[in-house]
Amino acid sequence: MSSNKRDSNRVGLVIEIKVTCDDESEHVLNSQNISDTGVFLEYNEKPLDLAVGAHVILQVCSQMADEPPPPVHAEIVRITKEGIGLQFIL
């Protein structure tokens, strides 16, 4: 039996996402996977100095549209040595 307790299925998707923190610092990370409720972002070089429970703003870095995609608020729910798991705040 699987120990996966996720409510939503994840889809492997690698795109650049800009993360804006409370201190207004910005970081561009690559997604590893995404679901309806959240996303996992991989560190590019070194871990970010963020904590579980911190709120950030996410924005897809897209060159395909005339206008940038809308920002999405998210909360950090998991931190690993590879990256951060975020839950969307809707």
N, C-alpha and C. Protein backbone atom coordinates (compact mmCIF):
# COMPACT_ATOMS: atom_id res chain seq x y z
N MET A 1 0.84 -1.18 0.00
CA MET A 1 0.00 0.00 0.00
C MET A 1 0.89 1.24 0.00
N SER A 2 0.54 2.24 -0.77
CA SER A 2 1.31 3.47 -0.89
C SER A 2 1.10 4.36 0.33
N SER A 3 2.18 5.06 0.73
CA SER A 3 2.08 5.99 1.85
C SER A 3 1.84 7.41 1.36
N ASN A 4 1.51 7.58 0.08
CA ASN A 4 1.26 8.89 -0.50
C ASN A 4 -0.07 9.42 0.04
N LYS A 5 -0.02 10.51 0.79
CA LYS A 5 -1.22 11.08 1.40
C LYS A 5 -1.67 12.35 0.67
N ARG A 6 -1.19 12.56 -0.53
CA ARG A 6 -1.52 13.77 -1.28
C ARG A 6 -2.97 13.73 -1.74
N ASP A 7 -3.60 14.91 -1.71
CA ASP A 7 -4.98 15.03 -2.18
C ASP A 7 -5.06 15.21 -3.69
N SER A 8 -3.96 15.70 -4.30
CA SER A 8 -3.96 15.98 -5.73
C SER A 8 -2.82 15.25 -6.42
N ASN A 9 -3.06 14.83 -7.64
CA ASN A 9 -2.00 14.21 -8.43
C ASN A 9 -1.01 15.26 -8.88
N ARG A 10 0.27 14.88 -8.91
CA ARG A 10 1.31 15.79 -9.35
C ARG A 10 1.70 15.46 -10.79
N VAL A 11 2.09 16.51 -11.50
CA VAL A 11 2.53 16.38 -12.87
C VAL A 11 3.95 16.91 -12.95
N GLY A 12 4.85 16.13 -13.54
CA GLY A 12 6.22 16.59 -13.73
C GLY A 12 6.23 17.74 -14.73
N LEU A 13 6.73 18.88 -14.32
CA LEU A 13 6.75 20.06 -15.18
C LEU A 13 7.92 20.92 -14.76
N VAL A 14 8.82 21.22 -15.70
CA VAL A 14 9.98 22.04 -15.40
C VAL A 14 9.80 23.40 -16.07
N ILE A 15 9.53 24.41 -15.25
CA ILE A 15 9.42 25.79 -15.73
C ILE A 15 10.09 26.69 -14.70
N GLU A 16 10.52 27.87 -15.14
CA GLU A 16 11.10 28.83 -14.21
C GLU A 16 10.00 29.59 -13.50
N ILE A 17 10.15 29.70 -12.18
CA ILE A 17 9.18 30.42 -11.37
C ILE A 17 9.92 31.41 -10.49
N LYS A 18 9.47 32.67 -10.53
CA LYS A 18 10.06 33.71 -9.69
C LYS A 18 9.38 33.66 -8.31
N VAL A 19 10.20 33.61 -7.27
CA VAL A 19 9.71 33.59 -5.89
C VAL A 19 10.05 34.93 -5.26
N THR A 20 9.04 35.66 -4.80
CA THR A 20 9.26 36.93 -4.11
C THR A 20 8.94 36.71 -2.63
N CYS A 21 9.94 37.00 -1.78
CA CYS A 21 9.83 36.77 -0.34
C CYS A 21 9.32 38.04 0.36
N ASP A 22 9.00 37.89 1.66
CA ASP A 22 8.52 39.02 2.46
C ASP A 22 9.49 40.19 2.47
N ASP A 23 10.79 39.90 2.42
CA ASP A 23 11.80 40.97 2.43
C ASP A 23 12.01 41.57 1.04
N GLU A 24 11.14 41.20 0.09
CA GLU A 24 11.14 41.66 -1.29
C GLU A 24 12.30 41.12 -2.13
N SER A 25 13.08 40.17 -1.58
CA SER A 25 14.11 39.52 -2.39
C SER A 25 13.42 38.61 -3.40
N GLU A 26 14.04 38.45 -4.56
CA GLU A 26 13.48 37.63 -5.62
C GLU A 26 14.48 36.54 -6.01
N HIS A 27 13.96 35.36 -6.27
CA HIS A 27 14.77 34.21 -6.66
C HIS A 27 14.04 33.49 -7.78
N VAL A 28 14.77 33.02 -8.78
CA VAL A 28 14.16 32.25 -9.86
C VAL A 28 14.59 30.79 -9.68
N LEU A 29 13.59 29.92 -9.49
CA LEU A 29 13.83 28.50 -9.29
C LEU A 29 13.07 27.71 -10.35
N ASN A 30 13.50 26.48 -10.57
CA ASN A 30 12.81 25.59 -11.51
C ASN A 30 11.84 24.70 -10.76
N SER A 31 10.65 24.54 -11.34
CA SER A 31 9.69 23.61 -10.74
C SER A 31 10.14 22.19 -11.06
N GLN A 32 9.78 21.28 -10.17
CA GLN A 32 10.02 19.86 -10.41
C GLN A 32 8.70 19.18 -10.76
N ASN A 33 7.66 19.57 -10.02
CA ASN A 33 6.33 19.07 -10.30
C ASN A 33 5.31 20.06 -9.76
N ILE A 34 4.08 19.90 -10.23
CA ILE A 34 3.02 20.83 -9.85
C ILE A 34 1.70 20.06 -9.75
N SER A 35 0.80 20.55 -8.91
CA SER A 35 -0.55 19.98 -8.79
C SER A 35 -1.53 21.13 -8.67
N ASP A 36 -2.81 20.79 -8.46
CA ASP A 36 -3.81 21.88 -8.29
C ASP A 36 -3.57 22.64 -6.99
N THR A 37 -2.89 22.03 -6.04
CA THR A 37 -2.77 22.65 -4.72
C THR A 37 -1.38 23.18 -4.40
N GLY A 38 -0.37 22.83 -5.21
CA GLY A 38 0.97 23.30 -4.88
C GLY A 38 2.02 22.95 -5.90
N VAL A 39 3.26 23.26 -5.55
CA VAL A 39 4.39 23.06 -6.46
C VAL A 39 5.64 22.77 -5.64
N PHE A 40 6.55 21.98 -6.22
CA PHE A 40 7.86 21.77 -5.59
C PHE A 40 8.89 22.46 -6.46
N LEU A 41 9.69 23.34 -5.85
CA LEU A 41 10.72 24.09 -6.56
C LEU A 41 12.09 23.63 -6.13
N GLU A 42 12.96 23.40 -7.11
CA GLU A 42 14.32 22.95 -6.84
C GLU A 42 15.26 24.14 -6.68
N TYR A 43 16.19 24.01 -5.74
CA TYR A 43 17.22 25.03 -5.60
C TYR A 43 18.14 24.98 -6.82
N ASN A 44 18.56 26.14 -7.30
CA ASN A 44 19.49 26.20 -8.42
C ASN A 44 20.91 25.93 -7.96
N GLU A 45 21.33 26.58 -6.90
CA GLU A 45 22.70 26.41 -6.42
C GLU A 45 22.74 26.15 -4.92
N LYS A 46 22.15 27.06 -4.16
CA LYS A 46 22.19 26.91 -2.71
C LYS A 46 20.79 27.08 -2.14
N PRO A 47 20.53 26.50 -0.97
CA PRO A 47 19.22 26.64 -0.34
C PRO A 47 18.90 28.10 -0.02
N LEU A 48 17.62 28.42 -0.08
CA LEU A 48 17.17 29.75 0.31
C LEU A 48 16.98 29.78 1.81
N ASP A 49 17.13 30.94 2.40
CA ASP A 49 16.97 31.10 3.85
C ASP A 49 15.50 31.38 4.15
N LEU A 50 14.69 30.33 4.04
CA LEU A 50 13.25 30.44 4.27
C LEU A 50 12.83 29.38 5.26
N ALA A 51 11.68 29.58 5.89
CA ALA A 51 11.20 28.64 6.90
C ALA A 51 9.82 28.11 6.52
N VAL A 52 9.51 26.93 7.00
CA VAL A 52 8.17 26.38 6.84
C VAL A 52 7.19 27.37 7.47
N GLY A 53 6.11 27.65 6.75
CA GLY A 53 5.11 28.60 7.22
C GLY A 53 5.26 29.98 6.60
N ALA A 54 6.42 30.25 5.98
CA ALA A 54 6.63 31.55 5.34
C ALA A 54 5.73 31.68 4.12
N HIS A 55 5.24 32.89 3.88
CA HIS A 55 4.43 33.16 2.71
C HIS A 55 5.29 33.84 1.65
N VAL A 56 5.08 33.45 0.40
CA VAL A 56 5.81 34.01 -0.73
C VAL A 56 4.83 34.27 -1.86
N ILE A 57 5.30 34.97 -2.87
CA ILE A 57 4.51 35.19 -4.08
C ILE A 57 5.24 34.52 -5.23
N LEU A 58 4.50 33.73 -6.00
CA LEU A 58 5.07 33.00 -7.14
C LEU A 58 4.57 33.61 -8.43
N GLN A 59 5.45 33.62 -9.44
CA GLN A 59 5.03 34.08 -10.76
C GLN A 59 5.81 33.30 -11.81
N VAL A 60 5.10 32.70 -12.74
CA VAL A 60 5.73 31.96 -13.82
C VAL A 60 6.51 32.94 -14.69
N CYS A 61 7.74 32.59 -15.01
CA CYS A 61 8.58 33.41 -15.89
C CYS A 61 8.30 32.98 -17.31
N SER A 62 7.41 33.66 -17.98
CA SER A 62 7.00 33.27 -19.32
C SER A 62 7.28 34.38 -20.31
N GLN A 63 7.82 34.01 -21.44
CA GLN A 63 8.06 34.96 -22.52
C GLN A 63 7.01 34.82 -23.62
N MET A 64 6.01 34.00 -23.39
CA MET A 64 5.06 33.67 -24.45
C MET A 64 3.87 34.63 -24.51
N ALA A 65 3.59 35.34 -23.45
CA ALA A 65 2.41 36.20 -23.44
C ALA A 65 2.83 37.67 -23.45
N ASP A 66 1.92 38.53 -23.91
CA ASP A 66 2.20 39.96 -23.91
C ASP A 66 2.25 40.50 -22.49
N GLU A 67 1.45 39.93 -21.62
CA GLU A 67 1.42 40.35 -20.22
C GLU A 67 1.93 39.21 -19.35
N PRO A 68 2.61 39.54 -18.25
CA PRO A 68 3.10 38.47 -17.37
C PRO A 68 1.93 37.73 -16.71
N PRO A 69 2.13 36.44 -16.43
CA PRO A 69 1.09 35.69 -15.73
C PRO A 69 0.82 36.30 -14.35
N PRO A 70 -0.38 36.13 -13.84
CA PRO A 70 -0.71 36.73 -12.53
C PRO A 70 0.09 36.07 -11.40
N PRO A 71 0.40 36.85 -10.36
CA PRO A 71 1.09 36.28 -9.21
C PRO A 71 0.17 35.36 -8.41
N VAL A 72 0.78 34.38 -7.74
CA VAL A 72 0.04 33.43 -6.92
C VAL A 72 0.68 33.42 -5.53
N HIS A 73 -0.14 33.56 -4.50
CA HIS A 73 0.37 33.50 -3.13
C HIS A 73 0.50 32.04 -2.71
N ALA A 74 1.57 31.75 -1.96
CA ALA A 74 1.81 30.38 -1.53
C ALA A 74 2.49 30.37 -0.16
N GLU A 75 2.37 29.23 0.50
CA GLU A 75 2.99 29.02 1.81
C GLU A 75 3.96 27.85 1.72
N ILE A 76 5.13 28.01 2.31
CA ILE A 76 6.11 26.93 2.33
C ILE A 76 5.63 25.87 3.32
N VAL A 77 5.46 24.65 2.84
CA VAL A 77 4.98 23.57 3.70
C VAL A 77 6.03 22.47 3.90
N ARG A 78 7.11 22.50 3.09
CA ARG A 78 8.15 21.47 3.22
C ARG A 78 9.46 22.04 2.70
N ILE A 79 10.53 21.71 3.39
CA ILE A 79 11.88 22.10 2.97
C ILE A 79 12.75 20.86 2.98
N THR A 80 13.45 20.62 1.86
CA THR A 80 14.40 19.51 1.78
C THR A 80 15.73 20.08 1.32
N LYS A 81 16.74 19.23 1.22
CA LYS A 81 18.03 19.71 0.73
C LYS A 81 17.98 20.00 -0.77
N GLU A 82 16.96 19.46 -1.47
CA GLU A 82 16.81 19.68 -2.91
C GLU A 82 15.98 20.90 -3.25
N GLY A 83 15.05 21.30 -2.34
CA GLY A 83 14.18 22.42 -2.68
C GLY A 83 13.08 22.63 -1.66
N ILE A 84 12.02 23.32 -2.11
CA ILE A 84 10.92 23.68 -1.21
C ILE A 84 9.58 23.26 -1.81
N GLY A 85 8.70 22.78 -0.94
CA GLY A 85 7.33 22.44 -1.32
C GLY A 85 6.41 23.57 -0.89
N LEU A 86 5.59 24.04 -1.81
CA LEU A 86 4.71 25.15 -1.53
C LEU A 86 3.27 24.78 -1.77
N GLN A 87 2.38 25.29 -0.92
CA GLN A 87 0.95 25.10 -1.10
C GLN A 87 0.37 26.44 -1.53
N PHE A 88 -0.44 26.41 -2.61
CA PHE A 88 -1.06 27.62 -3.09
C PHE A 88 -2.08 28.13 -2.07
N ILE A 89 -2.16 29.44 -1.91
CA ILE A 89 -3.16 30.06 -1.06
C ILE A 89 -4.20 30.68 -1.98
N LEU A 90 -5.38 30.10 -1.99
CA LEU A 90 -6.41 30.54 -2.93
C LEU A 90 -7.46 31.39 -2.26
